[in-house]
Amino acid sequence: MTDELLTVPEVMAWLKVGRTTVYDLIRTHRLPSLRIGRSRRIPVEGIRAYLASQLQHDGVAA
């Protein structure tokens, strides 16, 4: 994925989780996002940082 900002459905596909999970990650500030009009966008680097923190938290070498 080379786009800088992803939509919620794109994040859902990348993480293989549902819409509710993505919005829960956004709501709890574990996944950064921004609003553009009525749309929600998630920076790719935010997703990578979230995954790295989860791997570290779970004790998996990144």
Protein backbone atom coordinates (compact mmCIF):
# COMPACT_ATOMS: atom_id res chain seq x y z
CA MET A 1 0.00 0.00 0.00
CA THR A 2 1.66 3.18 -1.12
CA ASP A 3 -1.02 5.77 -0.38
CA GLU A 4 -0.25 8.18 2.44
CA LEU A 5 -3.83 8.24 3.79
CA LEU A 6 -6.19 5.27 3.84
CA THR A 7 -9.94 5.01 4.18
CA VAL A 8 -11.56 2.94 6.93
CA PRO A 9 -12.41 0.12 4.47
CA GLU A 10 -8.77 0.04 3.30
CA VAL A 11 -7.57 -0.20 6.92
CA MET A 12 -10.12 -2.94 7.54
CA ALA A 13 -8.69 -4.93 4.63
CA TRP A 14 -5.07 -4.31 5.63
CA LEU A 15 -5.59 -5.33 9.27
CA LYS A 16 -8.23 -7.96 8.44
CA VAL A 17 -10.60 -6.62 11.08
CA GLY A 18 -14.11 -5.21 11.03
CA ARG A 19 -15.36 -1.64 10.87
CA THR A 20 -16.19 -1.58 14.58
CA THR A 21 -12.64 -2.57 15.49
CA VAL A 22 -11.11 0.16 13.32
CA TYR A 23 -13.39 2.82 14.79
CA ASP A 24 -12.66 1.52 18.30
CA LEU A 25 -8.90 1.87 17.64
CA ILE A 26 -9.53 5.44 16.42
CA ARG A 27 -11.82 6.29 19.36
CA THR A 28 -9.27 5.05 21.91
CA HIS A 29 -6.44 6.94 20.15
CA ARG A 30 -4.48 3.77 19.44
CA LEU A 31 -4.79 4.52 15.72
CA PRO A 32 -4.35 8.14 14.60
CA SER A 33 -6.83 9.60 12.13
CA LEU A 34 -8.02 12.85 10.70
CA ARG A 35 -11.27 14.12 9.31
CA ILE A 36 -11.51 15.57 5.84
CA GLY A 37 -15.03 16.86 5.52
CA ARG A 38 -17.19 13.97 6.66
CA SER A 39 -14.56 11.37 5.75
CA ARG A 40 -12.12 9.70 8.12
CA ARG A 41 -8.56 9.05 6.91
CA ILE A 42 -5.80 7.07 8.61
CA PRO A 43 -2.11 7.74 7.88
CA VAL A 44 -0.15 4.68 6.74
CA GLU A 45 2.62 5.51 9.23
CA GLY A 46 0.04 5.48 12.03
CA ILE A 47 -0.95 1.94 11.11
CA ARG A 48 2.68 0.85 10.98
CA ALA A 49 3.34 2.44 14.40
CA TYR A 50 0.28 0.72 15.85
CA LEU A 51 1.40 -2.66 14.50
CA ALA A 52 4.94 -2.16 15.81
CA SER A 53 3.63 -1.25 19.27
CA GLN A 54 1.39 -4.33 19.27
CA LEU A 55 4.28 -6.58 18.25
CA GLN A 56 6.45 -5.09 20.98
CA HIS A 57 3.64 -5.39 23.53
CA ASP A 58 3.12 -9.04 22.62
CA GLY A 59 6.84 -9.74 22.87
CA VAL A 60 7.33 -10.46 19.17
CA ALA A 61 10.53 -9.15 17.59
CA ALA A 62 9.70 -6.60 14.89
